[in-house]
Amino acid sequence: IAQHESSLNPAAANLKASGGNLAKTPLGLMQMLPSTFAAHAQPGRGN
C-alpha cells in the first residue's frame, strides 16, 4: 500500500488529488487525509 500510495516517501503530499483543497490533501507514507489521520492517530502520536 505504501509503495503505491507514496512511493515509500513519508513526506509525500498529493496536491493534485485534492484539487487544491488543502484540508483534503493526502499526506505522508500512507497518503492520509488530515481529517482521517486525526480520527485514527494514537494519542500523543500526531505527526
All heavy atoms as atom14 arrays in JSON, in Angstrom:
{
  "sequence": "IAQHESSLNPAAANLKASGGNLAKTPLGLMQMLPSTFAAHAQPGRGN",
  "atom14_mask": [
    [1, 1, 1, 1, 1, 1, 1, 1, 0, 0, 0, 0, 0, 0],
    [1, 1, 1, 1, 1, 0, 0, 0, 0, 0, 0, 0, 0, 0],
    [1, 1, 1, 1, 1, 1, 1, 1, 1, 0, 0, 0, 0, 0],
    [1, 1, 1, 1, 1, 1, 1, 1, 1, 1, 0, 0, 0, 0],
    [1, 1, 1, 1, 1, 1, 1, 1, 1, 0, 0, 0, 0, 0],
    [1, 1, 1, 1, 1, 1, 0, 0, 0, 0, 0, 0, 0, 0],
    [1, 1, 1, 1, 1, 1, 0, 0, 0, 0, 0, 0, 0, 0],
    [1, 1, 1, 1, 1, 1, 1, 1, 0, 0, 0, 0, 0, 0],
    [1, 1, 1, 1, 1, 1, 1, 1, 0, 0, 0, 0, 0, 0],
    [1, 1, 1, 1, 1, 1, 1, 0, 0, 0, 0, 0, 0, 0],
    [1, 1, 1, 1, 1, 0, 0, 0, 0, 0, 0, 0, 0, 0],
    [1, 1, 1, 1, 1, 0, 0, 0, 0, 0, 0, 0, 0, 0],
    [1, 1, 1, 1, 1, 0, 0, 0, 0, 0, 0, 0, 0, 0],
    [1, 1, 1, 1, 1, 1, 1, 1, 0, 0, 0, 0, 0, 0],
    [1, 1, 1, 1, 1, 1, 1, 1, 0, 0, 0, 0, 0, 0],
    [1, 1, 1, 1, 1, 1, 1, 1, 1, 0, 0, 0, 0, 0],
    [1, 1, 1, 1, 1, 0, 0, 0, 0, 0, 0, 0, 0, 0],
    [1, 1, 1, 1, 1, 1, 0, 0, 0, 0, 0, 0, 0, 0],
    [1, 1, 1, 1, 0, 0, 0, 0, 0, 0, 0, 0, 0, 0],
    [1, 1, 1, 1, 0, 0, 0, 0, 0, 0, 0, 0, 0, 0],
    [1, 1, 1, 1, 1, 1, 1, 1, 0, 0, 0, 0, 0, 0],
    [1, 1, 1, 1, 1, 1, 1, 1, 0, 0, 0, 0, 0, 0],
    [1, 1, 1, 1, 1, 0, 0, 0, 0, 0, 0, 0, 0, 0],
    [1, 1, 1, 1, 1, 1, 1, 1, 1, 0, 0, 0, 0, 0],
    [1, 1, 1, 1, 1, 1, 1, 0, 0, 0, 0, 0, 0, 0],
    [1, 1, 1, 1, 1, 1, 1, 0, 0, 0, 0, 0, 0, 0],
    [1, 1, 1, 1, 1, 1, 1, 1, 0, 0, 0, 0, 0, 0],
    [1, 1, 1, 1, 0, 0, 0, 0, 0, 0, 0, 0, 0, 0],
    [1, 1, 1, 1, 1, 1, 1, 1, 0, 0, 0, 0, 0, 0],
    [1, 1, 1, 1, 1, 1, 1, 1, 0, 0, 0, 0, 0, 0],
    [1, 1, 1, 1, 1, 1, 1, 1, 1, 0, 0, 0, 0, 0],
    [1, 1, 1, 1, 1, 1, 1, 1, 0, 0, 0, 0, 0, 0],
    [1, 1, 1, 1, 1, 1, 1, 1, 0, 0, 0, 0, 0, 0],
    [1, 1, 1, 1, 1, 1, 1, 0, 0, 0, 0, 0, 0, 0],
    [1, 1, 1, 1, 1, 1, 0, 0, 0, 0, 0, 0, 0, 0],
    [1, 1, 1, 1, 1, 1, 1, 0, 0, 0, 0, 0, 0, 0],
    [1, 1, 1, 1, 1, 1, 1, 1, 1, 1, 1, 0, 0, 0],
    [1, 1, 1, 1, 1, 0, 0, 0, 0, 0, 0, 0, 0, 0],
    [1, 1, 1, 1, 1, 0, 0, 0, 0, 0, 0, 0, 0, 0],
    [1, 1, 1, 1, 1, 1, 1, 1, 1, 1, 0, 0, 0, 0],
    [1, 1, 1, 1, 1, 0, 0, 0, 0, 0, 0, 0, 0, 0],
    [1, 1, 1, 1, 1, 1, 1, 1, 1, 0, 0, 0, 0, 0],
    [1, 1, 1, 1, 1, 1, 1, 0, 0, 0, 0, 0, 0, 0],
    [1, 1, 1, 1, 0, 0, 0, 0, 0, 0, 0, 0, 0, 0],
    [1, 1, 1, 1, 1, 1, 1, 1, 1, 1, 1, 0, 0, 0],
    [1, 1, 1, 1, 0, 0, 0, 0, 0, 0, 0, 0, 0, 0],
    [1, 1, 1, 1, 1, 1, 1, 1, 0, 0, 0, 0, 0, 0]
  ],
  "atom14_positions": [
    [[0.85, -1.2, 0.0], [0.0, 0.0, 0.0], [0.88, 1.25, 0.0], [0.67, 2.17, -0.79], [-0.98, -0.01, 1.19], [-2.01, -1.12, 1.01], [-1.67, 1.35, 1.33], [-2.87, -1.38, 2.24], [0.0, 0.0, 0.0], [0.0, 0.0, 0.0], [0.0, 0.0, 0.0], [0.0, 0.0, 0.0], [0.0, 0.0, 0.0], [0.0, 0.0, 0.0]],
    [[1.88, 1.28, 0.88], [2.78, 2.44, 0.96], [3.53, 2.66, -0.35], [3.71, 3.8, -0.78], [3.76, 2.29, 2.12], [0.0, 0.0, 0.0], [0.0, 0.0, 0.0], [0.0, 0.0, 0.0], [0.0, 0.0, 0.0], [0.0, 0.0, 0.0], [0.0, 0.0, 0.0], [0.0, 0.0, 0.0], [0.0, 0.0, 0.0], [0.0, 0.0, 0.0]],
    [[3.94, 1.58, -1.0], [4.63, 1.71, -2.29], [3.74, 2.39, -3.32], [4.18, 3.27, -4.05], [5.06, 0.33, -2.81], [6.23, -0.26, -2.08], [6.49, -1.71, -2.46], [5.57, -2.48, -2.74], [7.76, -2.08, -2.47], [0.0, 0.0, 0.0], [0.0, 0.0, 0.0], [0.0, 0.0, 0.0], [0.0, 0.0, 0.0], [0.0, 0.0, 0.0]],
    [[2.49, 1.99, -3.36], [1.56, 2.54, -4.34], [1.07, 3.93, -3.96], [0.84, 4.76, -4.84], [0.38, 1.6, -4.55], [0.73, 0.4, -5.37], [0.75, 0.4, -6.74], [1.14, -0.84, -5.0], [1.12, -0.78, -7.19], [1.37, -1.56, -6.14], [0.0, 0.0, 0.0], [0.0, 0.0, 0.0], [0.0, 0.0, 0.0], [0.0, 0.0, 0.0]],
    [[0.9, 4.19, -2.69], [0.35, 5.47, -2.25], [1.38, 6.6, -2.31], [1.07, 7.71, -2.72], [-0.21, 5.36, -0.83], [-1.45, 4.48, -0.71], [-2.69, 5.08, -1.35], [-2.76, 6.31, -1.51], [-3.6, 4.29, -1.69], [0.0, 0.0, 0.0], [0.0, 0.0, 0.0], [0.0, 0.0, 0.0], [0.0, 0.0, 0.0], [0.0, 0.0, 0.0]],
    [[2.63, 6.35, -1.88], [3.61, 7.43, -1.74], [4.98, 7.11, -2.31], [5.9, 7.91, -2.12], [3.78, 7.77, -0.26], [4.45, 6.7, 0.41], [0.0, 0.0, 0.0], [0.0, 0.0, 0.0], [0.0, 0.0, 0.0], [0.0, 0.0, 0.0], [0.0, 0.0, 0.0], [0.0, 0.0, 0.0], [0.0, 0.0, 0.0], [0.0, 0.0, 0.0]],
    [[5.14, 5.97, -2.94], [6.46, 5.51, -3.37], [7.42, 5.43, -2.18], [8.6, 5.71, -2.3], [7.04, 6.4, -4.47], [6.21, 6.39, -5.6], [0.0, 0.0, 0.0], [0.0, 0.0, 0.0], [0.0, 0.0, 0.0], [0.0, 0.0, 0.0], [0.0, 0.0, 0.0], [0.0, 0.0, 0.0], [0.0, 0.0, 0.0], [0.0, 0.0, 0.0]],
    [[6.87, 5.1, -1.02], [7.6, 4.95, 0.25], [8.2, 6.26, 0.76], [9.16, 6.25, 1.51], [8.69, 3.87, 0.14], [8.22, 2.49, -0.33], [9.41, 1.53, -0.43], [7.15, 1.93, 0.59], [0.0, 0.0, 0.0], [0.0, 0.0, 0.0], [0.0, 0.0, 0.0], [0.0, 0.0, 0.0], [0.0, 0.0, 0.0], [0.0, 0.0, 0.0]],
    [[7.6, 7.37, 0.38], [8.09, 8.69, 0.79], [7.22, 9.23, 1.93], [6.07, 9.62, 1.72], [8.04, 9.66, -0.4], [8.53, 11.04, -0.04], [8.89, 11.33, 1.1], [8.52, 11.93, -1.01], [0.0, 0.0, 0.0], [0.0, 0.0, 0.0], [0.0, 0.0, 0.0], [0.0, 0.0, 0.0], [0.0, 0.0, 0.0], [0.0, 0.0, 0.0]],
    [[7.75, 9.29, 3.16], [6.96, 9.78, 4.29], [6.6, 11.26, 4.19], [5.75, 11.74, 4.93], [7.85, 9.53, 5.5], [9.06, 8.86, 5.03], [9.08, 8.85, 3.55], [0.0, 0.0, 0.0], [0.0, 0.0, 0.0], [0.0, 0.0, 0.0], [0.0, 0.0, 0.0], [0.0, 0.0, 0.0], [0.0, 0.0, 0.0], [0.0, 0.0, 0.0]],
    [[7.23, 11.99, 3.29], [6.94, 13.43, 3.14], [6.04, 13.71, 1.94], [5.85, 14.87, 1.58], [8.25, 14.2, 2.99], [0.0, 0.0, 0.0], [0.0, 0.0, 0.0], [0.0, 0.0, 0.0], [0.0, 0.0, 0.0], [0.0, 0.0, 0.0], [0.0, 0.0, 0.0], [0.0, 0.0, 0.0], [0.0, 0.0, 0.0], [0.0, 0.0, 0.0]],
    [[5.47, 12.68, 1.34], [4.65, 12.87, 0.15], [3.42, 13.72, 0.46], [2.78, 13.56, 1.5], [4.22, 11.51, -0.4], [0.0, 0.0, 0.0], [0.0, 0.0, 0.0], [0.0, 0.0, 0.0], [0.0, 0.0, 0.0], [0.0, 0.0, 0.0], [0.0, 0.0, 0.0], [0.0, 0.0, 0.0], [0.0, 0.0, 0.0], [0.0, 0.0, 0.0]],
    [[3.12, 14.64, -0.45], [1.93, 15.49, -0.37], [1.32, 15.53, -1.76], [1.96, 15.98, -2.71], [2.3, 16.9, 0.09], [0.0, 0.0, 0.0], [0.0, 0.0, 0.0], [0.0, 0.0, 0.0], [0.0, 0.0, 0.0], [0.0, 0.0, 0.0], [0.0, 0.0, 0.0], [0.0, 0.0, 0.0], [0.0, 0.0, 0.0], [0.0, 0.0, 0.0]],
    [[0.09, 15.06, -1.9], [-0.55, 14.95, -3.21], [-1.53, 16.09, -3.43], [-2.73, 15.95, -3.21], [-1.24, 13.6, -3.34], [-1.7, 13.32, -4.75], [-1.79, 14.21, -5.58], [-1.99, 12.06, -5.01], [0.0, 0.0, 0.0], [0.0, 0.0, 0.0], [0.0, 0.0, 0.0], [0.0, 0.0, 0.0], [0.0, 0.0, 0.0], [0.0, 0.0, 0.0]],
    [[-1.0, 17.23, -3.87], [-1.85, 18.4, -4.12], [-2.81, 18.18, -5.27], [-3.92, 18.7, -5.26], [-0.97, 19.62, -4.4], [-0.22, 20.18, -3.2], [0.78, 21.23, -3.64], [-1.19, 20.75, -2.18], [0.0, 0.0, 0.0], [0.0, 0.0, 0.0], [0.0, 0.0, 0.0], [0.0, 0.0, 0.0], [0.0, 0.0, 0.0], [0.0, 0.0, 0.0]],
    [[-2.41, 17.4, -6.27], [-3.28, 17.16, -7.42], [-4.54, 16.4, -7.0], [-5.62, 16.68, -7.5], [-2.54, 16.39, -8.51], [-1.5, 17.22, -9.21], [-0.81, 16.43, -10.3], [0.27, 17.27, -10.94], [0.99, 16.54, -11.98], [0.0, 0.0, 0.0], [0.0, 0.0, 0.0], [0.0, 0.0, 0.0], [0.0, 0.0, 0.0], [0.0, 0.0, 0.0]],
    [[-4.4, 15.44, -6.11], [-5.55, 14.64, -5.69], [-6.59, 15.46, -4.95], [-7.78, 15.13, -4.97], [-5.1, 13.48, -4.8], [0.0, 0.0, 0.0], [0.0, 0.0, 0.0], [0.0, 0.0, 0.0], [0.0, 0.0, 0.0], [0.0, 0.0, 0.0], [0.0, 0.0, 0.0], [0.0, 0.0, 0.0], [0.0, 0.0, 0.0], [0.0, 0.0, 0.0]],
    [[-6.15, 16.54, -4.32], [-7.08, 17.35, -3.53], [-7.72, 18.46, -4.34], [-8.58, 19.17, -3.84], [-6.36, 17.95, -2.32], [-5.41, 18.91, -2.76], [0.0, 0.0, 0.0], [0.0, 0.0, 0.0], [0.0, 0.0, 0.0], [0.0, 0.0, 0.0], [0.0, 0.0, 0.0], [0.0, 0.0, 0.0], [0.0, 0.0, 0.0], [0.0, 0.0, 0.0]],
    [[-7.28, 18.64, -5.58], [-7.83, 19.72, -6.39], [-7.57, 21.08, -5.78], [-8.34, 22.02, -5.98], [0.0, 0.0, 0.0], [0.0, 0.0, 0.0], [0.0, 0.0, 0.0], [0.0, 0.0, 0.0], [0.0, 0.0, 0.0], [0.0, 0.0, 0.0], [0.0, 0.0, 0.0], [0.0, 0.0, 0.0], [0.0, 0.0, 0.0], [0.0, 0.0, 0.0]],
    [[-6.49, 21.2, -5.02], [-6.15, 22.47, -4.39], [-6.79, 22.69, -3.04], [-6.53, 23.69, -2.39], [0.0, 0.0, 0.0], [0.0, 0.0, 0.0], [0.0, 0.0, 0.0], [0.0, 0.0, 0.0], [0.0, 0.0, 0.0], [0.0, 0.0, 0.0], [0.0, 0.0, 0.0], [0.0, 0.0, 0.0], [0.0, 0.0, 0.0], [0.0, 0.0, 0.0]],
    [[-7.65, 21.78, -2.6], [-8.29, 21.9, -1.29], [-7.32, 21.36, -0.25], [-7.13, 20.15, -0.12], [-9.61, 21.14, -1.25], [-10.34, 21.3, 0.05], [-9.76, 21.61, 1.09], [-11.64, 21.07, 0.01], [0.0, 0.0, 0.0], [0.0, 0.0, 0.0], [0.0, 0.0, 0.0], [0.0, 0.0, 0.0], [0.0, 0.0, 0.0], [0.0, 0.0, 0.0]],
    [[-6.71, 22.25, 0.51], [-5.64, 21.86, 1.43], [-6.1, 20.9, 2.52], [-5.33, 20.06, 2.96], [-5.0, 23.1, 2.02], [-4.36, 24.03, 0.98], [-3.83, 25.28, 1.63], [-3.27, 23.32, 0.21], [0.0, 0.0, 0.0], [0.0, 0.0, 0.0], [0.0, 0.0, 0.0], [0.0, 0.0, 0.0], [0.0, 0.0, 0.0], [0.0, 0.0, 0.0]],
    [[-7.34, 21.02, 2.96], [-7.83, 20.12, 4.01], [-8.02, 18.71, 3.48], [-8.19, 17.77, 4.25], [-9.15, 20.64, 4.58], [0.0, 0.0, 0.0], [0.0, 0.0, 0.0], [0.0, 0.0, 0.0], [0.0, 0.0, 0.0], [0.0, 0.0, 0.0], [0.0, 0.0, 0.0], [0.0, 0.0, 0.0], [0.0, 0.0, 0.0], [0.0, 0.0, 0.0]],
    [[-7.99, 18.55, 2.16], [-8.19, 17.23, 1.55], [-6.93, 16.75, 0.82], [-7.0, 15.9, -0.04], [-9.38, 17.28, 0.59], [-10.68, 17.52, 1.31], [-11.86, 17.48, 0.38], [-13.13, 17.68, 1.19], [-14.31, 17.66, 0.34], [0.0, 0.0, 0.0], [0.0, 0.0, 0.0], [0.0, 0.0, 0.0], [0.0, 0.0, 0.0], [0.0, 0.0, 0.0]],
    [[-5.78, 17.28, 1.21], [-4.52, 16.88, 0.59], [-3.99, 15.63, 1.29], [-3.66, 15.68, 2.48], [-3.48, 18.01, 0.68], [-3.98, 19.14, -0.03], [-2.14, 17.59, 0.09], [0.0, 0.0, 0.0], [0.0, 0.0, 0.0], [0.0, 0.0, 0.0], [0.0, 0.0, 0.0], [0.0, 0.0, 0.0], [0.0, 0.0, 0.0], [0.0, 0.0, 0.0]],
    [[-3.9, 14.51, 0.59], [-3.31, 13.31, 1.19], [-1.84, 13.55, 1.51], [-1.11, 14.1, 0.7], [-3.46, 12.25, 0.09], [-4.53, 12.77, -0.81], [-4.4, 14.26, -0.77], [0.0, 0.0, 0.0], [0.0, 0.0, 0.0], [0.0, 0.0, 0.0], [0.0, 0.0, 0.0], [0.0, 0.0, 0.0], [0.0, 0.0, 0.0], [0.0, 0.0, 0.0]],
    [[-1.43, 13.12, 2.72], [-0.08, 13.37, 3.2], [0.56, 12.11, 3.75], [-0.1, 11.24, 4.3], [-0.1, 14.42, 4.32], [-0.56, 15.82, 3.96], [-0.76, 16.65, 5.23], [0.43, 16.49, 3.05], [0.0, 0.0, 0.0], [0.0, 0.0, 0.0], [0.0, 0.0, 0.0], [0.0, 0.0, 0.0], [0.0, 0.0, 0.0], [0.0, 0.0, 0.0]],
    [[1.87, 12.07, 3.63], [2.66, 11.06, 4.31], [2.76, 9.73, 3.59], [2.29, 9.56, 2.46], [0.0, 0.0, 0.0], [0.0, 0.0, 0.0], [0.0, 0.0, 0.0], [0.0, 0.0, 0.0], [0.0, 0.0, 0.0], [0.0, 0.0, 0.0], [0.0, 0.0, 0.0], [0.0, 0.0, 0.0], [0.0, 0.0, 0.0], [0.0, 0.0, 0.0]],
    [[3.4, 8.81, 4.26], [3.7, 7.48, 3.73], [2.46, 6.77, 3.2], [2.49, 6.18, 2.12], [4.36, 6.65, 4.84], [4.91, 5.3, 4.46], [6.08, 5.45, 3.5], [5.36, 4.56, 5.71], [0.0, 0.0, 0.0], [0.0, 0.0, 0.0], [0.0, 0.0, 0.0], [0.0, 0.0, 0.0], [0.0, 0.0, 0.0], [0.0, 0.0, 0.0]],
    [[1.37, 6.83, 3.94], [0.15, 6.12, 3.57], [-0.88, 7.06, 2.93], [-2.03, 6.67, 2.72], [-0.44, 5.41, 4.79], [0.49, 4.38, 5.41], [0.88, 2.98, 4.34], [-0.57, 1.98, 4.59], [0.0, 0.0, 0.0], [0.0, 0.0, 0.0], [0.0, 0.0, 0.0], [0.0, 0.0, 0.0], [0.0, 0.0, 0.0], [0.0, 0.0, 0.0]],
    [[-0.48, 8.3, 2.63], [-1.33, 9.29, 1.96], [-2.68, 9.44, 2.66], [-3.74, 9.25, 2.07], [-1.5, 8.93, 0.49], [-0.24, 9.15, -0.32], [0.12, 10.62, -0.43], [-0.41, 11.32, -1.26], [1.0, 11.1, 0.44], [0.0, 0.0, 0.0], [0.0, 0.0, 0.0], [0.0, 0.0, 0.0], [0.0, 0.0, 0.0], [0.0, 0.0, 0.0]],
    [[-2.61, 9.82, 3.92], [-3.82, 10.0, 4.72], [-4.31, 11.44, 4.61], [-3.52, 12.38, 4.61], [-3.54, 9.66, 6.18], [-3.16, 8.21, 6.37], [-3.31, 7.68, 8.07], [-5.09, 7.55, 8.2], [0.0, 0.0, 0.0], [0.0, 0.0, 0.0], [0.0, 0.0, 0.0], [0.0, 0.0, 0.0], [0.0, 0.0, 0.0], [0.0, 0.0, 0.0]],
    [[-5.62, 11.59, 4.57], [-6.21, 12.92, 4.68], [-6.0, 13.4, 6.11], [-6.07, 12.6, 7.05], [-7.7, 12.88, 4.36], [-8.06, 12.45, 2.94], [-9.57, 12.3, 2.81], [-7.55, 13.47, 1.94], [0.0, 0.0, 0.0], [0.0, 0.0, 0.0], [0.0, 0.0, 0.0], [0.0, 0.0, 0.0], [0.0, 0.0, 0.0], [0.0, 0.0, 0.0]],
    [[-5.78, 14.69, 6.31], [-5.6, 15.19, 7.68], [-6.76, 14.82, 8.6], [-6.55, 14.46, 9.76], [-5.48, 16.7, 7.5], [-4.88, 16.85, 6.13], [-5.51, 15.75, 5.31], [0.0, 0.0, 0.0], [0.0, 0.0, 0.0], [0.0, 0.0, 0.0], [0.0, 0.0, 0.0], [0.0, 0.0, 0.0], [0.0, 0.0, 0.0], [0.0, 0.0, 0.0]],
    [[-7.98, 14.86, 8.11], [-9.14, 14.53, 8.95], [-9.15, 13.05, 9.32], [-9.48, 12.69, 10.45], [-10.44, 14.91, 8.25], [-10.55, 14.23, 7.0], [0.0, 0.0, 0.0], [0.0, 0.0, 0.0], [0.0, 0.0, 0.0], [0.0, 0.0, 0.0], [0.0, 0.0, 0.0], [0.0, 0.0, 0.0], [0.0, 0.0, 0.0], [0.0, 0.0, 0.0]],
    [[-8.79, 12.18, 8.39], [-8.74, 10.75, 8.67], [-7.61, 10.44, 9.64], [-7.77, 9.66, 10.58], [-8.57, 9.94, 7.36], [-9.61, 10.3, 6.46], [-8.6, 8.45, 7.62], [0.0, 0.0, 0.0], [0.0, 0.0, 0.0], [0.0, 0.0, 0.0], [0.0, 0.0, 0.0], [0.0, 0.0, 0.0], [0.0, 0.0, 0.0], [0.0, 0.0, 0.0]],
    [[-6.47, 11.08, 9.42], [-5.35, 10.9, 10.34], [-5.76, 11.33, 11.75], [-5.5, 10.61, 12.72], [-4.14, 11.7, 9.87], [-2.96, 11.59, 10.8], [-2.12, 10.49, 10.74], [-2.7, 12.57, 11.74], [-1.04, 10.37, 11.61], [-1.63, 12.46, 12.61], [-0.8, 11.36, 12.54], [0.0, 0.0, 0.0], [0.0, 0.0, 0.0], [0.0, 0.0, 0.0]],
    [[-6.4, 12.49, 11.87], [-6.81, 12.99, 13.19], [-7.76, 12.02, 13.88], [-7.67, 11.82, 15.1], [-7.47, 14.36, 13.05], [0.0, 0.0, 0.0], [0.0, 0.0, 0.0], [0.0, 0.0, 0.0], [0.0, 0.0, 0.0], [0.0, 0.0, 0.0], [0.0, 0.0, 0.0], [0.0, 0.0, 0.0], [0.0, 0.0, 0.0], [0.0, 0.0, 0.0]],
    [[-8.63, 11.39, 13.12], [-9.6, 10.46, 13.69], [-8.97, 9.13, 14.12], [-9.51, 8.44, 14.98], [-10.72, 10.19, 12.69], [0.0, 0.0, 0.0], [0.0, 0.0, 0.0], [0.0, 0.0, 0.0], [0.0, 0.0, 0.0], [0.0, 0.0, 0.0], [0.0, 0.0, 0.0], [0.0, 0.0, 0.0], [0.0, 0.0, 0.0], [0.0, 0.0, 0.0]],
    [[-7.82, 8.78, 13.52], [-7.24, 7.46, 13.78], [-5.86, 7.48, 14.42], [-5.32, 6.41, 14.74], [-7.19, 6.67, 12.46], [-8.55, 6.32, 11.96], [-9.26, 5.23, 12.39], [-9.36, 6.97, 11.07], [-10.43, 5.2, 11.79], [-10.52, 6.25, 10.98], [0.0, 0.0, 0.0], [0.0, 0.0, 0.0], [0.0, 0.0, 0.0], [0.0, 0.0, 0.0]],
    [[-5.27, 8.65, 14.62], [-3.94, 8.73, 15.23], [-4.01, 8.32, 16.7], [-4.99, 8.58, 17.39], [-3.38, 10.15, 15.11], [0.0, 0.0, 0.0], [0.0, 0.0, 0.0], [0.0, 0.0, 0.0], [0.0, 0.0, 0.0], [0.0, 0.0, 0.0], [0.0, 0.0, 0.0], [0.0, 0.0, 0.0], [0.0, 0.0, 0.0], [0.0, 0.0, 0.0]],
    [[-2.96, 7.67, 17.16], [-2.88, 7.31, 18.56], [-2.6, 8.56, 19.39], [-1.91, 9.48, 18.92], [-1.76, 6.29, 18.78], [-2.03, 4.95, 18.15], [-0.9, 3.96, 18.38], [0.26, 4.34, 18.56], [-1.22, 2.68, 18.37], [0.0, 0.0, 0.0], [0.0, 0.0, 0.0], [0.0, 0.0, 0.0], [0.0, 0.0, 0.0], [0.0, 0.0, 0.0]],
    [[-3.12, 8.61, 20.62], [-2.84, 9.77, 21.49], [-1.34, 10.0, 21.63], [-0.57, 9.06, 21.82], [-3.46, 9.36, 22.83], [-4.51, 8.35, 22.47], [-3.96, 7.61, 21.27], [0.0, 0.0, 0.0], [0.0, 0.0, 0.0], [0.0, 0.0, 0.0], [0.0, 0.0, 0.0], [0.0, 0.0, 0.0], [0.0, 0.0, 0.0], [0.0, 0.0, 0.0]],
    [[-0.93, 11.25, 21.46], [0.47, 11.61, 21.56], [1.29, 11.25, 20.33], [2.5, 11.4, 20.32], [0.0, 0.0, 0.0], [0.0, 0.0, 0.0], [0.0, 0.0, 0.0], [0.0, 0.0, 0.0], [0.0, 0.0, 0.0], [0.0, 0.0, 0.0], [0.0, 0.0, 0.0], [0.0, 0.0, 0.0], [0.0, 0.0, 0.0], [0.0, 0.0, 0.0]],
    [[0.65, 10.76, 19.29], [1.33, 10.34, 18.05], [0.72, 11.1, 16.88], [0.19, 10.52, 15.95], [1.17, 8.84, 17.81], [1.56, 7.96, 18.96], [3.04, 7.78, 19.03], [3.37, 6.83, 20.1], [4.57, 6.53, 20.41], [5.59, 7.06, 19.78], [4.82, 5.69, 21.38], [0.0, 0.0, 0.0], [0.0, 0.0, 0.0], [0.0, 0.0, 0.0]],
    [[0.79, 12.43, 16.93], [0.06, 13.26, 16.0], [0.84, 13.89, 14.88], [0.43, 14.91, 14.35], [0.0, 0.0, 0.0], [0.0, 0.0, 0.0], [0.0, 0.0, 0.0], [0.0, 0.0, 0.0], [0.0, 0.0, 0.0], [0.0, 0.0, 0.0], [0.0, 0.0, 0.0], [0.0, 0.0, 0.0], [0.0, 0.0, 0.0], [0.0, 0.0, 0.0]],
    [[1.96, 13.31, 14.47], [2.73, 13.89, 13.37], [2.43, 13.12, 12.1], [2.95, 12.04, 11.87], [4.23, 13.84, 13.69], [5.07, 14.51, 12.63], [4.62, 14.78, 11.53], [6.32, 14.77, 12.98], [0.0, 0.0, 0.0], [0.0, 0.0, 0.0], [0.0, 0.0, 0.0], [0.0, 0.0, 0.0], [0.0, 0.0, 0.0], [0.0, 0.0, 0.0]]
  ]
}
